[in-house]
Amino acid sequence: MTVVSSSPTLAPARSSTVVLMFAALSLVWGASFLFMKVAVDSFDPAQVALGRIILGSVTLAAIMTLTRRRWPRERRLWLHMIVVAVFFCIVPFLLFAWAAQSLPSGLSAILNATTPLWTMLVAVVVLPSERMTARRLIGVIIGAVGVAIVMGIWDVVTSPEFTASLPAQLACLGATASYGIALGWMRRFITGTHNHDSVTIASTQMAVAGVLALVLVPAIGLAPVAWAPAPILALLALGCLGTGIVYVWNTRVVSEWGAVGASTVTYVIPVVGVALGIIVLGERFTLNELIGAVIVIGGVLLVQRAR
């Protein structure tokens, strides 16, 4: 029996290709903290969140057009994409943007790394095939410990601002829980169940998110803007690359590694953020960052069964 696809399909990704995609995700999403920090000099948090979604959707729509891919016609797929767009883009981007107004970026990165823990809980409920083994569970815990060491969580916890920032911390946890729901939903209802390649799936997801973002702009995205070249370029990079092209890679990693495995990219993001701080901003490198980085990578490898 021959299956006719409505869009070009890709050959199964080799293990090395998926690893490279995972590394690229880590680098780009790690750099997103730098892009956001520059962008908020001209745009408010809601504008950054909605702007990156709209730019990402336009970028992927352009890729669909240039590669002559067909948009999916299955109504059920589009309905599932509404759920993914809400929980993978709209909700977490807005929550993180709101929290960024009062929460240190280091603590935000630590809380962002709880995504695999939430994903694991979702997987246990909706993904019987991805029930956690003891080995993968240990890997998740080790990765979380490594992130805490990289960021020096003991300093954050003893800071006087910690209690005052509790609402923002809860917002970040809500955002990572939202990521976990989206990743589990993608694995259960989208990846592997439709005859479309990762470009088409990611583009459809972002197209739905872009429409939802446009609807929200009149309500929360019309604050005055102080136009400046650097913030504009940062927002373009954040949207076109960090919210556009990398979603193709993320969809492929979810398909090949599963929801929990793909979510471990959030362990490596803080490591990349620390490295960029050293290279770009000349920040001091400490021993705990080195030790934490090694532990983070070890946790990721353990979760992936040393692929």
Protein backbone atom coordinates (compact mmCIF):
# COMPACT_ATOMS: atom_id res chain seq x y z
CA MET A 1 0.00 0.00 0.00
CA THR A 2 1.44 3.39 -1.04
CA VAL A 3 0.82 6.44 1.13
CA VAL A 4 0.59 9.76 -0.72
CA SER A 5 1.88 12.69 1.31
CA SER A 6 0.55 16.22 0.98
CA SER A 7 4.05 17.58 1.53
CA PRO A 8 7.63 16.41 0.97
CA THR A 9 8.78 13.95 3.61
CA LEU A 10 12.22 13.56 5.07
CA ALA A 11 14.20 10.37 5.42
CA PRO A 12 14.50 9.10 8.99
CA ALA A 13 17.08 11.15 10.84
CA ARG A 14 20.33 9.45 11.66
CA SER A 15 21.38 9.51 15.29
CA SER A 16 24.21 11.97 14.60
CA THR A 17 21.84 14.33 12.78
CA VAL A 18 19.43 14.44 15.69
CA VAL A 19 22.32 15.10 18.10
CA LEU A 20 23.37 18.06 15.95
CA MET A 21 19.80 19.37 15.97
CA PHE A 22 19.72 19.03 19.74
CA ALA A 23 23.01 20.96 20.02
CA ALA A 24 21.70 23.70 17.72
CA LEU A 25 18.54 23.98 19.80
CA SER A 26 20.65 24.39 22.93
CA LEU A 27 22.80 27.10 21.35
CA VAL A 28 19.97 29.15 19.86
CA TRP A 29 17.62 28.92 22.83
CA GLY A 30 20.54 29.63 25.18
CA ALA A 31 21.27 32.78 23.18
CA SER A 32 17.60 33.76 23.46
CA PHE A 33 18.26 35.10 26.95
CA LEU A 34 20.76 37.54 25.44
CA PHE A 35 18.33 38.49 22.65
CA MET A 36 15.53 39.14 25.14
CA LYS A 37 17.75 41.22 27.38
CA VAL A 38 18.61 43.50 24.46
CA ALA A 39 15.07 43.56 23.04
CA VAL A 40 13.40 44.78 26.25
CA ASP A 41 15.39 48.00 25.99
CA SER A 42 12.84 49.11 23.37
CA PHE A 43 9.88 46.72 23.67
CA ASP A 44 7.82 45.75 26.69
CA PRO A 45 7.65 42.05 27.69
CA ALA A 46 4.30 41.41 25.98
CA GLN A 47 5.59 42.92 22.74
CA VAL A 48 8.69 40.73 22.89
CA ALA A 49 6.58 37.60 23.50
CA LEU A 50 4.00 38.32 20.79
CA GLY A 51 6.57 39.77 18.39
CA ARG A 52 8.76 36.68 18.46
CA ILE A 53 5.72 34.47 17.79
CA ILE A 54 4.58 36.55 14.81
CA LEU A 55 8.09 36.74 13.34
CA GLY A 56 8.56 33.01 13.83
CA SER A 57 5.29 32.21 12.08
CA VAL A 58 6.15 34.47 9.14
CA THR A 59 9.60 32.85 8.82
CA LEU A 60 8.19 29.33 8.70
CA ALA A 61 5.41 30.35 6.32
CA ALA A 62 8.09 31.71 3.99
CA ILE A 63 9.97 28.40 4.19
CA MET A 64 6.76 26.53 3.36
CA THR A 65 6.26 28.75 0.30
CA LEU A 66 9.85 28.57 -0.95
CA THR A 67 9.97 24.79 -0.62
CA ARG A 68 6.49 24.42 -2.17
CA ARG A 69 5.14 22.41 0.71
CA ARG A 70 1.41 22.02 1.11
CA TRP A 71 -0.33 23.02 4.30
CA PRO A 72 -2.10 20.15 6.08
CA ARG A 73 -5.76 19.66 5.30
CA GLU A 74 -6.67 17.42 8.22
CA ARG A 75 -9.05 19.27 10.50
CA ARG A 76 -8.03 17.17 13.51
CA LEU A 77 -4.38 18.14 13.08
CA TRP A 78 -5.24 21.85 13.08
CA LEU A 79 -7.32 21.39 16.22
CA HIS A 80 -4.41 19.66 17.96
CA MET A 81 -2.15 22.50 16.83
CA ILE A 82 -4.32 24.99 18.67
CA VAL A 83 -3.53 23.16 21.91
CA VAL A 84 0.19 23.02 21.10
CA ALA A 85 0.30 26.70 20.07
CA VAL A 86 -1.36 27.79 23.30
CA PHE A 87 0.77 25.66 25.64
CA PHE A 88 4.08 25.81 23.73
CA CYS A 89 4.05 29.46 22.65
CA ILE A 90 1.36 31.81 23.93
CA VAL A 91 1.15 30.82 27.61
CA PRO A 92 4.86 30.20 28.40
CA PHE A 93 6.19 33.19 26.43
CA LEU A 94 3.78 35.57 28.18
CA LEU A 95 4.45 34.09 31.62
CA PHE A 96 8.22 34.24 31.20
CA ALA A 97 7.97 37.79 29.83
CA TRP A 98 5.88 38.89 32.81
CA ALA A 99 8.23 37.19 35.29
CA ALA A 100 11.27 38.81 33.66
CA GLN A 101 10.13 42.19 34.95
CA SER A 102 10.96 41.25 38.56
CA LEU A 103 12.86 37.97 38.50
CA PRO A 104 16.66 37.60 38.05
CA SER A 105 17.52 35.94 34.77
CA GLY A 106 19.56 33.27 36.56
CA LEU A 107 16.59 32.12 38.60
CA SER A 108 14.40 32.17 35.50
CA ALA A 109 16.87 29.86 33.77
CA ILE A 110 16.87 27.47 36.73
CA LEU A 111 13.08 27.32 36.78
CA ASN A 112 13.03 26.86 33.01
CA ALA A 113 15.09 23.70 33.49
CA THR A 114 12.20 22.07 35.37
CA THR A 115 10.51 21.40 32.01
CA PRO A 116 11.70 17.74 31.83
CA LEU A 117 10.25 17.10 35.27
CA TRP A 118 6.84 18.38 34.18
CA THR A 119 7.16 16.50 30.89
CA MET A 120 7.88 13.31 32.78
CA LEU A 121 4.71 13.74 34.85
CA VAL A 122 2.66 14.37 31.71
CA ALA A 123 4.28 11.39 29.97
CA VAL A 124 3.30 9.05 32.80
CA VAL A 125 -0.34 10.08 32.33
CA VAL A 126 -0.72 10.32 28.54
CA LEU A 127 2.23 8.41 27.06
CA PRO A 128 2.28 4.77 28.21
CA SER A 129 5.18 4.04 25.85
CA GLU A 130 7.33 6.66 27.59
CA ARG A 131 6.88 5.59 31.20
CA MET A 132 9.99 6.48 33.14
CA THR A 133 12.53 3.81 33.89
CA ALA A 134 14.68 4.20 36.98
CA ARG A 135 17.63 5.10 34.77
CA ARG A 136 15.85 7.92 32.94
CA LEU A 137 14.37 9.26 36.17
CA ILE A 138 17.83 9.40 37.73
CA GLY A 139 19.07 11.22 34.63
CA VAL A 140 16.35 13.84 34.96
CA ILE A 141 17.20 14.40 38.62
CA ILE A 142 20.94 14.58 37.93
CA GLY A 143 20.34 17.14 35.18
CA ALA A 144 18.25 19.29 37.51
CA VAL A 145 20.98 19.17 40.16
CA GLY A 146 23.55 20.16 37.55
CA VAL A 147 21.52 23.20 36.51
CA ALA A 148 21.23 24.30 40.13
CA ILE A 149 25.01 24.02 40.53
CA VAL A 150 25.70 25.94 37.31
CA MET A 151 23.51 28.84 38.42
CA GLY A 152 24.67 28.80 42.07
CA ILE A 153 21.18 28.34 43.45
CA TRP A 154 22.37 28.60 47.07
CA ASP A 155 23.05 32.32 46.51
CA VAL A 156 19.64 32.87 44.93
CA VAL A 157 17.74 31.14 47.73
CA THR A 158 19.46 33.22 50.44
CA SER A 159 18.80 36.48 48.59
CA PRO A 160 16.26 38.86 50.25
CA GLU A 161 14.51 39.24 46.92
CA PHE A 162 13.68 35.53 46.73
CA THR A 163 10.45 35.65 48.78
CA ALA A 164 9.33 38.90 47.17
CA SER A 165 9.67 37.33 43.73
CA LEU A 166 7.57 34.26 44.58
CA PRO A 167 4.66 35.21 42.23
CA ALA A 168 7.12 35.51 39.36
CA GLN A 169 8.67 32.17 40.28
CA LEU A 170 5.24 30.55 40.19
CA ALA A 171 4.71 32.13 36.77
CA CYS A 172 7.91 30.48 35.52
CA LEU A 173 6.82 27.12 36.92
CA GLY A 174 3.49 27.61 35.19
CA ALA A 175 5.36 28.25 31.94
CA THR A 176 7.47 25.10 32.24
CA ALA A 177 4.40 23.05 33.14
CA SER A 178 2.85 24.44 29.96
CA TYR A 179 5.88 23.26 27.97
CA GLY A 180 5.48 19.80 29.47
CA ILE A 181 1.84 19.62 28.42
CA ALA A 182 2.69 20.75 24.89
CA LEU A 183 5.53 18.26 24.47
CA GLY A 184 3.39 15.40 25.71
CA TRP A 185 0.51 16.46 23.46
CA MET A 186 2.81 16.65 20.41
CA ARG A 187 4.16 13.18 21.02
CA ARG A 188 0.73 11.68 21.67
CA PHE A 189 -1.34 13.27 18.93
CA ILE A 190 0.97 14.80 16.29
CA THR A 191 4.47 13.40 15.76
CA GLY A 192 4.35 9.96 14.19
CA THR A 193 0.59 10.08 13.62
CA HIS A 194 0.46 12.33 10.55
CA ASN A 195 2.23 11.96 7.23
CA HIS A 196 3.93 15.37 7.29
CA ASP A 197 7.57 16.28 7.75
CA SER A 198 8.94 18.33 10.64
CA VAL A 199 8.96 21.57 8.60
CA THR A 200 5.24 21.29 7.89
CA ILE A 201 4.38 20.36 11.47
CA ALA A 202 6.42 23.22 12.95
CA SER A 203 5.07 25.72 10.41
CA THR A 204 1.49 24.72 11.15
CA GLN A 205 2.08 25.08 14.87
CA MET A 206 3.57 28.55 14.48
CA ALA A 207 0.92 29.66 11.99
CA VAL A 208 -1.76 28.94 14.59
CA ALA A 209 0.31 30.66 17.30
CA GLY A 210 0.86 33.66 15.02
CA VAL A 211 -2.87 34.12 14.47
CA LEU A 212 -3.51 33.91 18.22
CA ALA A 213 -0.73 36.44 18.85
CA LEU A 214 -2.24 38.88 16.35
CA VAL A 215 -5.56 38.60 18.17
CA LEU A 216 -3.83 39.48 21.46
CA VAL A 217 -1.84 42.45 20.11
CA PRO A 218 -4.66 45.04 20.42
CA ALA A 219 -5.21 44.02 24.05
CA ILE A 220 -1.65 43.79 25.41
CA GLY A 221 0.81 44.71 22.65
CA LEU A 222 0.23 48.40 21.88
CA ALA A 223 2.53 50.05 24.45
CA PRO A 224 4.83 52.85 23.18
CA VAL A 225 8.05 51.62 21.58
CA ALA A 226 11.48 53.30 21.79
CA TRP A 227 12.87 52.27 18.41
CA ALA A 228 16.60 51.45 18.37
CA PRO A 229 18.69 49.28 16.01
CA ALA A 230 20.07 46.78 18.55
CA PRO A 231 16.72 45.84 20.14
CA ILE A 232 15.12 45.52 16.70
CA LEU A 233 17.87 43.18 15.51
CA ALA A 234 17.63 41.21 18.75
CA LEU A 235 13.87 40.76 18.34
CA LEU A 236 14.35 39.68 14.72
CA ALA A 237 16.90 37.07 15.79
CA LEU A 238 14.68 35.93 18.64
CA GLY A 239 11.67 35.60 16.35
CA CYS A 240 13.01 34.43 13.00
CA LEU A 241 15.64 32.07 14.38
CA GLY A 242 14.78 31.34 18.01
CA THR A 243 11.03 31.00 17.44
CA GLY A 244 11.01 30.03 13.79
CA ILE A 245 13.68 27.80 12.33
CA VAL A 246 14.57 26.02 15.56
CA TYR A 247 11.01 24.76 15.94
CA VAL A 248 11.66 22.55 12.91
CA TRP A 249 14.61 21.02 14.73
CA ASN A 250 12.63 20.69 17.96
CA THR A 251 9.80 18.84 16.21
CA ARG A 252 12.31 16.40 14.73
CA VAL A 253 13.99 15.79 18.10
CA VAL A 254 10.61 15.15 19.77
CA SER A 255 9.78 12.68 17.01
CA GLU A 256 13.10 10.80 17.33
CA TRP A 257 13.84 11.01 21.06
CA GLY A 258 10.40 11.40 22.60
CA ALA A 259 8.90 14.15 24.73
CA VAL A 260 11.01 13.64 27.85
CA GLY A 261 14.25 13.27 25.93
CA ALA A 262 13.59 16.40 23.84
CA SER A 263 12.72 18.45 26.92
CA THR A 264 16.23 17.91 28.35
CA VAL A 265 17.38 20.71 26.04
CA THR A 266 16.32 22.97 28.91
CA TYR A 267 19.21 21.54 30.95
CA VAL A 268 21.78 22.72 28.42
CA ILE A 269 20.26 26.18 27.88
CA PRO A 270 21.61 27.60 31.18
CA VAL A 271 25.07 26.23 30.34
CA VAL A 272 24.97 28.03 26.99
CA GLY A 273 23.75 31.18 28.72
CA VAL A 274 26.73 31.08 31.09
CA ALA A 275 29.16 30.53 28.19
CA LEU A 276 27.72 33.46 26.22
CA GLY A 277 27.97 35.64 29.30
CA ILE A 278 31.67 34.83 29.51
CA ILE A 279 32.35 35.29 25.78
CA VAL A 280 30.09 38.27 25.01
CA LEU A 281 29.86 40.10 28.34
CA GLY A 282 33.20 39.10 29.88
CA GLU A 283 31.60 37.55 32.96
CA ARG A 284 33.72 35.57 35.44
CA PHE A 285 33.80 31.77 35.10
CA THR A 286 33.55 29.85 38.39
CA LEU A 287 34.29 26.30 39.44
CA ASN A 288 30.65 25.54 40.18
CA GLU A 289 29.75 26.42 36.58
CA LEU A 290 32.31 23.94 35.25
CA ILE A 291 31.19 21.17 37.62
CA GLY A 292 27.53 21.88 36.91
CA ALA A 293 28.07 21.80 33.15
CA VAL A 294 29.62 18.33 33.35
CA ILE A 295 26.75 17.09 35.53
CA VAL A 296 24.14 18.57 33.17
CA ILE A 297 25.63 16.83 30.14
CA GLY A 298 25.86 13.59 32.10
CA GLY A 299 22.19 13.81 33.02
CA VAL A 300 21.16 14.41 29.43
CA LEU A 301 23.19 11.41 28.26
CA LEU A 302 21.68 9.22 30.96
CA VAL A 303 18.15 10.22 29.99
CA GLN A 304 19.00 9.43 26.36
CA ARG A 305 20.55 6.08 27.36
CA ALA A 306 24.00 7.27 26.26
CA ARG A 307 23.08 7.76 22.60
